[in-house]
Amino acid sequence: MSNGALSIGLFYGSTTCYTEMAAEKIQAQLNSLFDEEIVALHNIKEVSLNRTAEYDIIIFGISTWDFGELQEDWESHWEDVHGLDLSGKTVALFGLGDQLGYADWFQDALGMLFDAIKPSECNIVGFWPNQGYEFTASKALTEDKSQFVGLSLDDENQYDQTDERISAWCEQLLVAMA
């Protein structure tokens, strides 16, 4: 499926490389689905979030740390997130967290990122069912609590499900982008 005019920027922050590895898997899966190199990876530690202006579709990857805290690269650029002009863009989110070790804060950073970009009038896609997870609370749940606001990965406790979840989510994104 070639779509030469379409451009996707995937922006992530990663401390322990798990978010980076998930971003690379998402990039590879989407490039495969589009049958071309369409996804550009950007580590926000090295690239300004203002580069989002260059893309039609934006994917943000974030992990939750400790008791519902932002990953350090996102934390250091948090004010930039609030200043982004994402109006008219399609945006998808994915997050990593530890549902067993931090069950009361699972995917909180994902929810915080969603709340930060929601007012920008972008088209947010890629919501993900919350079945198959064990957690107590999360800021990343939709209002009706039936879904996460983006793909939810737990490489600490469910690493064996990551590839399957990424594959299904990318197929879902493909439909949303069509």
N, C-alpha and C. Protein backbone atom coordinates (compact mmCIF):
# COMPACT_ATOMS: atom_id res chain seq x y z
N MET A 1 0.85 -1.18 0.00
CA MET A 1 0.00 0.00 0.00
C MET A 1 0.89 1.23 0.00
N SER A 2 1.11 1.82 -1.10
CA SER A 2 1.97 3.00 -1.18
C SER A 2 1.13 4.26 -1.05
N ASN A 3 1.62 5.18 -0.25
CA ASN A 3 0.94 6.45 -0.05
C ASN A 3 2.02 7.51 0.09
N GLY A 4 2.65 7.88 -1.01
CA GLY A 4 3.82 8.74 -1.02
C GLY A 4 3.70 10.06 -0.28
N ALA A 5 2.52 10.64 -0.20
CA ALA A 5 2.37 11.94 0.43
C ALA A 5 2.28 11.85 1.95
N LEU A 6 1.99 10.67 2.46
CA LEU A 6 1.79 10.48 3.89
C LEU A 6 3.13 10.44 4.62
N SER A 7 3.21 11.12 5.75
CA SER A 7 4.43 11.08 6.57
C SER A 7 4.06 10.86 8.02
N ILE A 8 4.79 9.96 8.66
CA ILE A 8 4.54 9.61 10.06
C ILE A 8 5.81 9.85 10.87
N GLY A 9 5.67 10.64 11.93
CA GLY A 9 6.78 10.86 12.85
C GLY A 9 6.48 10.17 14.17
N LEU A 10 7.39 9.32 14.62
CA LEU A 10 7.23 8.62 15.89
C LEU A 10 8.23 9.21 16.88
N PHE A 11 7.71 9.84 17.91
CA PHE A 11 8.51 10.53 18.92
C PHE A 11 8.40 9.77 20.23
N TYR A 12 9.54 9.46 20.84
CA TYR A 12 9.52 8.68 22.08
C TYR A 12 10.62 9.16 23.02
N GLY A 13 10.44 8.85 24.28
CA GLY A 13 11.48 9.02 25.28
C GLY A 13 11.73 7.65 25.89
N SER A 14 13.00 7.33 26.17
CA SER A 14 13.31 5.99 26.67
C SER A 14 14.51 6.03 27.60
N THR A 15 14.33 5.53 28.79
CA THR A 15 15.41 5.48 29.77
C THR A 15 16.11 4.13 29.74
N THR A 16 15.34 3.06 29.68
CA THR A 16 15.90 1.71 29.77
C THR A 16 15.83 0.96 28.44
N CYS A 17 15.52 1.64 27.37
CA CYS A 17 15.47 1.11 26.01
C CYS A 17 14.19 0.33 25.67
N TYR A 18 13.32 0.05 26.62
CA TYR A 18 12.10 -0.70 26.32
C TYR A 18 11.16 0.11 25.43
N THR A 19 11.02 1.40 25.71
CA THR A 19 10.16 2.24 24.86
C THR A 19 10.78 2.40 23.49
N GLU A 20 12.10 2.52 23.44
CA GLU A 20 12.80 2.61 22.16
C GLU A 20 12.60 1.34 21.34
N MET A 21 12.70 0.18 21.99
CA MET A 21 12.52 -1.09 21.27
C MET A 21 11.08 -1.22 20.76
N ALA A 22 10.11 -0.79 21.57
CA ALA A 22 8.72 -0.82 21.12
C ALA A 22 8.53 0.13 19.93
N ALA A 23 9.16 1.30 19.99
CA ALA A 23 9.07 2.27 18.89
C ALA A 23 9.64 1.68 17.61
N GLU A 24 10.77 0.99 17.72
CA GLU A 24 11.38 0.37 16.55
C GLU A 24 10.49 -0.73 15.97
N LYS A 25 9.83 -1.50 16.84
CA LYS A 25 8.90 -2.54 16.37
C LYS A 25 7.69 -1.93 15.67
N ILE A 26 7.18 -0.83 16.22
CA ILE A 26 6.05 -0.14 15.60
C ILE A 26 6.47 0.42 14.24
N GLN A 27 7.65 1.03 14.19
CA GLN A 27 8.17 1.55 12.92
C GLN A 27 8.27 0.44 11.88
N ALA A 28 8.85 -0.68 12.25
CA ALA A 28 9.02 -1.80 11.31
C ALA A 28 7.67 -2.34 10.85
N GLN A 29 6.74 -2.47 11.78
CA GLN A 29 5.41 -3.01 11.44
C GLN A 29 4.67 -2.08 10.49
N LEU A 30 4.67 -0.78 10.77
CA LEU A 30 3.97 0.18 9.91
C LEU A 30 4.65 0.28 8.54
N ASN A 31 5.98 0.30 8.53
CA ASN A 31 6.69 0.33 7.24
C ASN A 31 6.34 -0.89 6.41
N SER A 32 6.20 -2.03 7.07
CA SER A 32 5.84 -3.26 6.38
C SER A 32 4.41 -3.18 5.84
N LEU A 33 3.49 -2.65 6.64
CA LEU A 33 2.09 -2.54 6.21
C LEU A 33 1.94 -1.57 5.04
N PHE A 34 2.71 -0.48 5.05
CA PHE A 34 2.65 0.50 3.97
C PHE A 34 3.55 0.12 2.81
N ASP A 35 4.40 -0.87 3.03
CA ASP A 35 5.35 -1.35 2.02
C ASP A 35 6.30 -0.24 1.56
N GLU A 36 6.66 0.62 2.49
CA GLU A 36 7.67 1.66 2.23
C GLU A 36 8.14 2.24 3.56
N GLU A 37 9.28 2.93 3.52
CA GLU A 37 9.83 3.55 4.73
C GLU A 37 9.07 4.85 4.97
N ILE A 38 8.01 4.76 5.76
CA ILE A 38 7.12 5.90 5.94
C ILE A 38 7.21 6.51 7.35
N VAL A 39 7.78 5.73 8.30
CA VAL A 39 7.83 6.17 9.70
C VAL A 39 9.24 6.60 10.07
N ALA A 40 9.38 7.85 10.52
CA ALA A 40 10.66 8.38 10.99
C ALA A 40 10.67 8.36 12.52
N LEU A 41 11.72 7.77 13.11
CA LEU A 41 11.86 7.69 14.56
C LEU A 41 12.60 8.91 15.09
N HIS A 42 12.11 9.42 16.23
CA HIS A 42 12.77 10.57 16.87
C HIS A 42 12.81 10.36 18.38
N ASN A 43 14.01 10.29 18.94
CA ASN A 43 14.19 10.23 20.38
C ASN A 43 14.12 11.68 20.88
N ILE A 44 13.15 11.98 21.74
CA ILE A 44 12.96 13.38 22.15
C ILE A 44 14.11 13.91 23.01
N LYS A 45 14.99 13.03 23.44
CA LYS A 45 16.18 13.48 24.15
C LYS A 45 17.11 14.23 23.19
N GLU A 46 17.01 13.87 21.89
CA GLU A 46 17.91 14.42 20.89
C GLU A 46 17.22 15.31 19.85
N VAL A 47 15.89 15.26 19.78
CA VAL A 47 15.14 15.97 18.74
C VAL A 47 14.03 16.79 19.37
N SER A 48 13.87 18.00 18.92
CA SER A 48 12.82 18.89 19.44
C SER A 48 11.43 18.38 19.05
N LEU A 49 10.50 18.50 19.97
CA LEU A 49 9.12 18.14 19.68
C LEU A 49 8.51 19.04 18.61
N ASN A 50 9.13 20.19 18.35
CA ASN A 50 8.64 21.07 17.28
C ASN A 50 8.71 20.40 15.91
N ARG A 51 9.50 19.34 15.80
CA ARG A 51 9.58 18.59 14.54
C ARG A 51 8.25 17.91 14.21
N THR A 52 7.33 17.84 15.16
CA THR A 52 6.01 17.26 14.87
C THR A 52 5.32 18.01 13.74
N ALA A 53 5.67 19.27 13.55
CA ALA A 53 5.07 20.09 12.48
C ALA A 53 5.34 19.52 11.10
N GLU A 54 6.38 18.69 10.97
CA GLU A 54 6.78 18.14 9.67
C GLU A 54 5.92 16.95 9.23
N TYR A 55 5.05 16.45 10.12
CA TYR A 55 4.36 15.19 9.85
C TYR A 55 2.84 15.35 9.84
N ASP A 56 2.20 14.50 9.03
CA ASP A 56 0.74 14.44 8.98
C ASP A 56 0.20 13.62 10.14
N ILE A 57 0.95 12.55 10.46
CA ILE A 57 0.56 11.62 11.50
C ILE A 57 1.69 11.56 12.51
N ILE A 58 1.32 11.60 13.79
CA ILE A 58 2.31 11.60 14.86
C ILE A 58 1.98 10.47 15.82
N ILE A 59 3.01 9.75 16.21
CA ILE A 59 2.88 8.73 17.24
C ILE A 59 3.80 9.13 18.38
N PHE A 60 3.26 9.14 19.59
CA PHE A 60 4.05 9.45 20.77
C PHE A 60 4.19 8.20 21.63
N GLY A 61 5.40 7.92 22.09
CA GLY A 61 5.66 6.80 22.99
C GLY A 61 6.22 7.29 24.30
N ILE A 62 5.59 6.85 25.40
CA ILE A 62 5.96 7.33 26.74
C ILE A 62 5.88 6.17 27.73
N SER A 63 6.71 6.19 28.73
CA SER A 63 6.62 5.19 29.79
C SER A 63 6.31 5.87 31.12
N THR A 64 5.67 5.12 31.98
CA THR A 64 5.34 5.60 33.32
C THR A 64 6.41 5.10 34.28
N TRP A 65 6.88 6.00 35.13
CA TRP A 65 7.92 5.66 36.08
C TRP A 65 7.40 5.76 37.50
N ASP A 66 7.86 4.84 38.33
CA ASP A 66 7.56 4.84 39.76
C ASP A 66 6.08 5.03 40.03
N PHE A 67 5.74 6.02 40.80
CA PHE A 67 4.37 6.21 41.25
C PHE A 67 3.62 7.17 40.33
N GLY A 68 3.51 6.79 39.05
CA GLY A 68 2.76 7.58 38.08
C GLY A 68 3.50 8.78 37.54
N GLU A 69 4.81 8.70 37.44
CA GLU A 69 5.61 9.83 37.00
C GLU A 69 5.97 9.72 35.51
N LEU A 70 6.26 10.87 34.91
CA LEU A 70 6.69 10.93 33.52
C LEU A 70 8.11 10.40 33.37
N GLN A 71 8.40 9.81 32.22
CA GLN A 71 9.76 9.43 31.89
C GLN A 71 10.59 10.71 31.80
N GLU A 72 11.84 10.66 32.17
CA GLU A 72 12.67 11.87 32.34
C GLU A 72 12.78 12.75 31.10
N ASP A 73 12.86 12.17 29.90
CA ASP A 73 12.96 13.00 28.69
C ASP A 73 11.65 13.75 28.46
N TRP A 74 10.53 13.07 28.68
CA TRP A 74 9.23 13.75 28.54
C TRP A 74 9.08 14.83 29.62
N GLU A 75 9.51 14.52 30.82
CA GLU A 75 9.41 15.50 31.90
C GLU A 75 10.19 16.77 31.58
N SER A 76 11.36 16.62 31.00
CA SER A 76 12.18 17.80 30.69
C SER A 76 11.64 18.61 29.51
N HIS A 77 10.72 18.02 28.73
CA HIS A 77 10.12 18.72 27.58
C HIS A 77 8.62 18.93 27.76
N TRP A 78 8.14 18.78 28.98
CA TRP A 78 6.70 18.79 29.22
C TRP A 78 6.03 20.10 28.80
N GLU A 79 6.68 21.22 29.04
CA GLU A 79 6.11 22.51 28.63
C GLU A 79 5.99 22.59 27.11
N ASP A 80 6.94 21.98 26.38
CA ASP A 80 6.89 21.96 24.92
C ASP A 80 5.65 21.22 24.42
N VAL A 81 5.26 20.16 25.13
CA VAL A 81 4.07 19.37 24.75
C VAL A 81 2.85 20.27 24.72
N HIS A 82 2.70 21.08 25.74
CA HIS A 82 1.53 21.97 25.85
C HIS A 82 1.52 23.05 24.77
N GLY A 83 2.67 23.35 24.19
CA GLY A 83 2.75 24.39 23.17
C GLY A 83 2.68 23.88 21.74
N LEU A 84 2.56 22.57 21.55
CA LEU A 84 2.54 22.01 20.20
C LEU A 84 1.25 22.35 19.47
N ASP A 85 1.38 22.67 18.20
CA ASP A 85 0.20 22.87 17.35
C ASP A 85 -0.07 21.56 16.61
N LEU A 86 -1.00 20.79 17.14
CA LEU A 86 -1.34 19.49 16.56
C LEU A 86 -2.70 19.53 15.85
N SER A 87 -3.27 20.72 15.72
CA SER A 87 -4.61 20.82 15.12
C SER A 87 -4.60 20.26 13.71
N GLY A 88 -5.60 19.44 13.43
CA GLY A 88 -5.73 18.84 12.11
C GLY A 88 -4.86 17.61 11.89
N LYS A 89 -3.99 17.29 12.84
CA LYS A 89 -3.12 16.13 12.69
C LYS A 89 -3.78 14.89 13.30
N THR A 90 -3.35 13.72 12.83
CA THR A 90 -3.77 12.46 13.44
C THR A 90 -2.67 12.04 14.40
N VAL A 91 -3.06 11.71 15.63
CA VAL A 91 -2.10 11.37 16.67
C VAL A 91 -2.49 10.04 17.32
N ALA A 92 -1.50 9.19 17.53
CA ALA A 92 -1.68 7.94 18.25
C ALA A 92 -0.65 7.88 19.37
N LEU A 93 -1.01 7.21 20.45
CA LEU A 93 -0.15 7.12 21.62
C LEU A 93 0.10 5.67 22.00
N PHE A 94 1.30 5.41 22.52
CA PHE A 94 1.53 4.12 23.16
C PHE A 94 2.35 4.35 24.42
N GLY A 95 2.14 3.47 25.39
CA GLY A 95 2.83 3.62 26.65
C GLY A 95 3.34 2.30 27.19
N LEU A 96 4.36 2.38 28.02
CA LEU A 96 4.88 1.22 28.72
C LEU A 96 4.74 1.45 30.22
N GLY A 97 4.42 0.39 30.92
CA GLY A 97 4.27 0.48 32.36
C GLY A 97 4.37 -0.89 33.00
N ASP A 98 4.37 -0.91 34.32
CA ASP A 98 4.46 -2.15 35.12
C ASP A 98 3.16 -2.28 35.91
N GLN A 99 2.26 -3.13 35.41
CA GLN A 99 0.94 -3.25 36.01
C GLN A 99 0.94 -3.94 37.37
N LEU A 100 1.92 -4.77 37.64
CA LEU A 100 1.95 -5.47 38.92
C LEU A 100 2.72 -4.70 39.99
N GLY A 101 3.88 -4.16 39.62
CA GLY A 101 4.69 -3.41 40.57
C GLY A 101 4.10 -2.05 40.92
N TYR A 102 3.34 -1.47 39.98
CA TYR A 102 2.76 -0.14 40.19
C TYR A 102 1.30 -0.14 39.75
N ALA A 103 0.53 -1.04 40.34
CA ALA A 103 -0.87 -1.28 39.93
C ALA A 103 -1.76 -0.05 40.11
N ASP A 104 -1.42 0.83 41.03
CA ASP A 104 -2.24 2.03 41.27
C ASP A 104 -1.92 3.17 40.31
N TRP A 105 -0.85 3.02 39.51
CA TRP A 105 -0.41 4.08 38.62
C TRP A 105 -0.12 3.57 37.21
N PHE A 106 -0.70 2.43 36.85
CA PHE A 106 -0.38 1.79 35.58
C PHE A 106 -0.72 2.71 34.42
N GLN A 107 0.28 3.02 33.59
CA GLN A 107 0.12 3.84 32.38
C GLN A 107 -0.30 5.29 32.67
N ASP A 108 -0.07 5.78 33.87
CA ASP A 108 -0.46 7.16 34.19
C ASP A 108 0.16 8.18 33.24
N ALA A 109 1.44 8.01 32.88
CA ALA A 109 2.09 8.98 31.99
C ALA A 109 1.39 9.02 30.63
N LEU A 110 0.91 7.87 30.16
CA LEU A 110 0.15 7.81 28.91
C LEU A 110 -1.11 8.68 29.02
N GLY A 111 -1.80 8.57 30.13
CA GLY A 111 -2.99 9.40 30.36
C GLY A 111 -2.65 10.87 30.48
N MET A 112 -1.54 11.19 31.11
CA MET A 112 -1.12 12.58 31.25
C MET A 112 -0.79 13.18 29.89
N LEU A 113 -0.14 12.40 29.03
CA LEU A 113 0.19 12.87 27.69
C LEU A 113 -1.09 13.08 26.88
N PHE A 114 -2.02 12.15 26.99
CA PHE A 114 -3.32 12.29 26.31
C PHE A 114 -4.01 13.58 26.76
N ASP A 115 -4.05 13.82 28.06
CA ASP A 115 -4.70 15.03 28.59
C ASP A 115 -4.00 16.30 28.10
N ALA A 116 -2.68 16.23 27.91
CA ALA A 116 -1.92 17.41 27.47
C ALA A 116 -2.18 17.74 26.00
N ILE A 117 -2.39 16.72 25.16
CA ILE A 117 -2.57 17.00 23.72
C ILE A 117 -4.04 17.10 23.30
N LYS A 118 -4.94 16.57 24.12
CA LYS A 118 -6.36 16.55 23.75
C LYS A 118 -6.92 17.93 23.38
N PRO A 119 -6.58 18.99 24.10
CA PRO A 119 -7.14 20.31 23.75
C PRO A 119 -6.66 20.86 22.40
N SER A 120 -5.64 20.26 21.78
CA SER A 120 -5.07 20.81 20.55
C SER A 120 -5.88 20.50 19.29
N GLU A 121 -7.04 19.91 19.44
CA GLU A 121 -7.94 19.64 18.31
C GLU A 121 -7.32 18.73 17.26
N CYS A 122 -6.55 17.75 17.73
CA CYS A 122 -6.03 16.73 16.82
C CYS A 122 -7.00 15.55 16.82
N ASN A 123 -6.85 14.69 15.85
CA ASN A 123 -7.66 13.48 15.76
C ASN A 123 -6.88 12.35 16.43
N ILE A 124 -7.27 11.97 17.64
CA ILE A 124 -6.55 10.94 18.38
C ILE A 124 -7.14 9.57 18.03
N VAL A 125 -6.27 8.66 17.59
CA VAL A 125 -6.67 7.31 17.20
C VAL A 125 -5.84 6.30 18.00
N GLY A 126 -6.20 5.04 17.88
CA GLY A 126 -5.38 3.99 18.48
C GLY A 126 -5.75 3.64 19.91
N PHE A 127 -6.99 3.89 20.30
CA PHE A 127 -7.42 3.48 21.63
C PHE A 127 -7.30 1.96 21.73
N TRP A 128 -7.08 1.43 22.94
CA TRP A 128 -6.74 0.02 23.11
C TRP A 128 -7.56 -0.58 24.25
N PRO A 129 -8.13 -1.79 24.05
CA PRO A 129 -8.93 -2.42 25.11
C PRO A 129 -8.12 -2.68 26.38
N ASN A 130 -8.76 -2.57 27.52
CA ASN A 130 -8.04 -2.78 28.78
C ASN A 130 -8.18 -4.21 29.32
N GLN A 131 -8.72 -5.11 28.52
CA GLN A 131 -8.80 -6.50 28.94
C GLN A 131 -7.42 -7.17 28.83
N GLY A 132 -7.17 -8.12 29.74
CA GLY A 132 -5.90 -8.83 29.72
C GLY A 132 -4.81 -8.18 30.56
N TYR A 133 -5.18 -7.21 31.35
CA TYR A 133 -4.24 -6.52 32.23
C TYR A 133 -4.75 -6.65 33.67
N GLU A 134 -3.84 -6.60 34.63
CA GLU A 134 -4.20 -6.63 36.05
C GLU A 134 -3.65 -5.36 36.70
N PHE A 135 -4.51 -4.41 36.99
CA PHE A 135 -4.07 -3.17 37.62
C PHE A 135 -5.23 -2.64 38.45
N THR A 136 -4.95 -1.71 39.33
CA THR A 136 -5.95 -1.15 40.21
C THR A 136 -6.52 0.16 39.68
N ALA A 137 -5.61 1.03 39.18
CA ALA A 137 -6.04 2.34 38.70
C ALA A 137 -5.10 2.81 37.59
N SER A 138 -5.64 3.71 36.74
CA SER A 138 -4.84 4.26 35.65
C SER A 138 -5.45 5.56 35.16
N LYS A 139 -4.60 6.56 34.97
CA LYS A 139 -5.03 7.82 34.35
C LYS A 139 -5.18 7.68 32.85
N ALA A 140 -4.79 6.52 32.30
CA ALA A 140 -4.81 6.32 30.85
C ALA A 140 -6.11 5.68 30.35
N LEU A 141 -7.10 5.56 31.21
CA LEU A 141 -8.37 4.98 30.78
C LEU A 141 -9.28 6.04 30.18
N THR A 142 -10.09 5.62 29.20
CA THR A 142 -11.08 6.52 28.62
C THR A 142 -12.12 6.85 29.68
N GLU A 143 -12.95 7.83 29.40
CA GLU A 143 -13.96 8.25 30.37
C GLU A 143 -14.83 7.10 30.85
N ASP A 144 -15.22 6.21 29.94
CA ASP A 144 -16.07 5.08 30.33
C ASP A 144 -15.26 3.90 30.88
N LYS A 145 -13.95 4.07 31.00
CA LYS A 145 -13.03 3.09 31.60
C LYS A 145 -12.91 1.79 30.80
N SER A 146 -13.42 1.75 29.56
CA SER A 146 -13.40 0.51 28.78
C SER A 146 -12.12 0.33 27.97
N GLN A 147 -11.36 1.40 27.79
CA GLN A 147 -10.17 1.34 26.95
C GLN A 147 -9.06 2.21 27.53
N PHE A 148 -7.84 1.91 27.08
CA PHE A 148 -6.74 2.83 27.31
C PHE A 148 -6.75 3.85 26.18
N VAL A 149 -6.19 5.02 26.42
CA VAL A 149 -6.15 6.09 25.41
C VAL A 149 -5.09 5.82 24.34
N GLY A 150 -4.38 4.72 24.46
CA GLY A 150 -3.39 4.30 23.47
C GLY A 150 -2.94 2.88 23.77
N LEU A 151 -2.10 2.36 22.92
CA LEU A 151 -1.59 1.01 23.11
C LEU A 151 -0.86 0.92 24.45
N SER A 152 -1.20 -0.09 25.22
CA SER A 152 -0.61 -0.29 26.54
C SER A 152 0.27 -1.53 26.54
N LEU A 153 1.55 -1.34 26.82
CA LEU A 153 2.50 -2.45 26.85
C LEU A 153 3.11 -2.58 28.25
N ASP A 154 3.35 -3.81 28.64
CA ASP A 154 4.00 -4.09 29.93
C ASP A 154 5.09 -5.13 29.68
N ASP A 155 6.28 -4.65 29.32
CA ASP A 155 7.39 -5.56 29.03
C ASP A 155 7.98 -6.17 30.30
N GLU A 156 7.59 -5.65 31.44
CA GLU A 156 8.05 -6.20 32.72
C GLU A 156 7.33 -7.52 33.02
N ASN A 157 6.01 -7.57 32.77
CA ASN A 157 5.20 -8.72 33.15
C ASN A 157 4.55 -9.46 31.98
N GLN A 158 4.43 -8.82 30.83
CA GLN A 158 3.76 -9.44 29.69
C GLN A 158 4.56 -9.26 28.40
N TYR A 159 5.87 -9.42 28.48
CA TYR A 159 6.74 -9.25 27.32
C TYR A 159 6.31 -10.15 26.17
N ASP A 160 5.83 -11.34 26.51
CA ASP A 160 5.43 -12.31 25.48
C ASP A 160 4.22 -11.86 24.67
N GLN A 161 3.52 -10.82 25.13
CA GLN A 161 2.36 -10.31 24.40
C GLN A 161 2.65 -9.04 23.60
N THR A 162 3.83 -8.47 23.79
CA THR A 162 4.17 -7.19 23.16
C THR A 162 4.09 -7.23 21.63
N ASP A 163 4.74 -8.19 21.01
CA ASP A 163 4.76 -8.23 19.54
C ASP A 163 3.35 -8.38 18.96
N GLU A 164 2.56 -9.25 19.57
CA GLU A 164 1.17 -9.45 19.10
C GLU A 164 0.34 -8.18 19.27
N ARG A 165 0.51 -7.51 20.40
CA ARG A 165 -0.23 -6.26 20.64
C ARG A 165 0.19 -5.18 19.65
N ILE A 166 1.48 -5.06 19.41
CA ILE A 166 1.97 -4.05 18.45
C ILE A 166 1.41 -4.34 17.06
N SER A 167 1.43 -5.59 16.67
CA SER A 167 0.93 -5.96 15.35
C SER A 167 -0.55 -5.61 15.20
N ALA A 168 -1.35 -5.98 16.19
CA ALA A 168 -2.79 -5.69 16.14
C ALA A 168 -3.05 -4.18 16.16
N TRP A 169 -2.28 -3.45 16.97
CA TRP A 169 -2.46 -2.01 17.07
C TRP A 169 -2.10 -1.32 15.76
N CYS A 170 -1.03 -1.75 15.14
CA CYS A 170 -0.62 -1.16 13.85
C CYS A 170 -1.66 -1.42 12.78
N GLU A 171 -2.26 -2.59 12.77
CA GLU A 171 -3.37 -2.88 11.83
C GLU A 171 -4.53 -1.92 12.10
N GLN A 172 -4.81 -1.70 13.36
CA GLN A 172 -5.86 -0.76 13.77
C GLN A 172 -5.55 0.65 13.30
N LEU A 173 -4.30 1.06 13.43
CA LEU A 173 -3.88 2.40 12.98
C LEU A 173 -4.03 2.53 11.47
N LEU A 174 -3.67 1.46 10.75
CA LEU A 174 -3.77 1.47 9.31
C LEU A 174 -5.20 1.78 8.87
N VAL A 175 -6.17 1.17 9.52
CA VAL A 175 -7.58 1.42 9.22
C VAL A 175 -7.95 2.86 9.56
N ALA A 176 -7.49 3.34 10.71
CA ALA A 176 -7.81 4.70 11.14
C ALA A 176 -7.19 5.75 10.22
N MET A 177 -6.04 5.43 9.62
CA MET A 177 -5.34 6.38 8.76
C MET A 177 -5.91 6.39 7.34
N ALA A 178 -6.65 5.36 6.98
CA ALA A 178 -7.16 5.23 5.60
C ALA A 178 -8.21 6.29 5.28
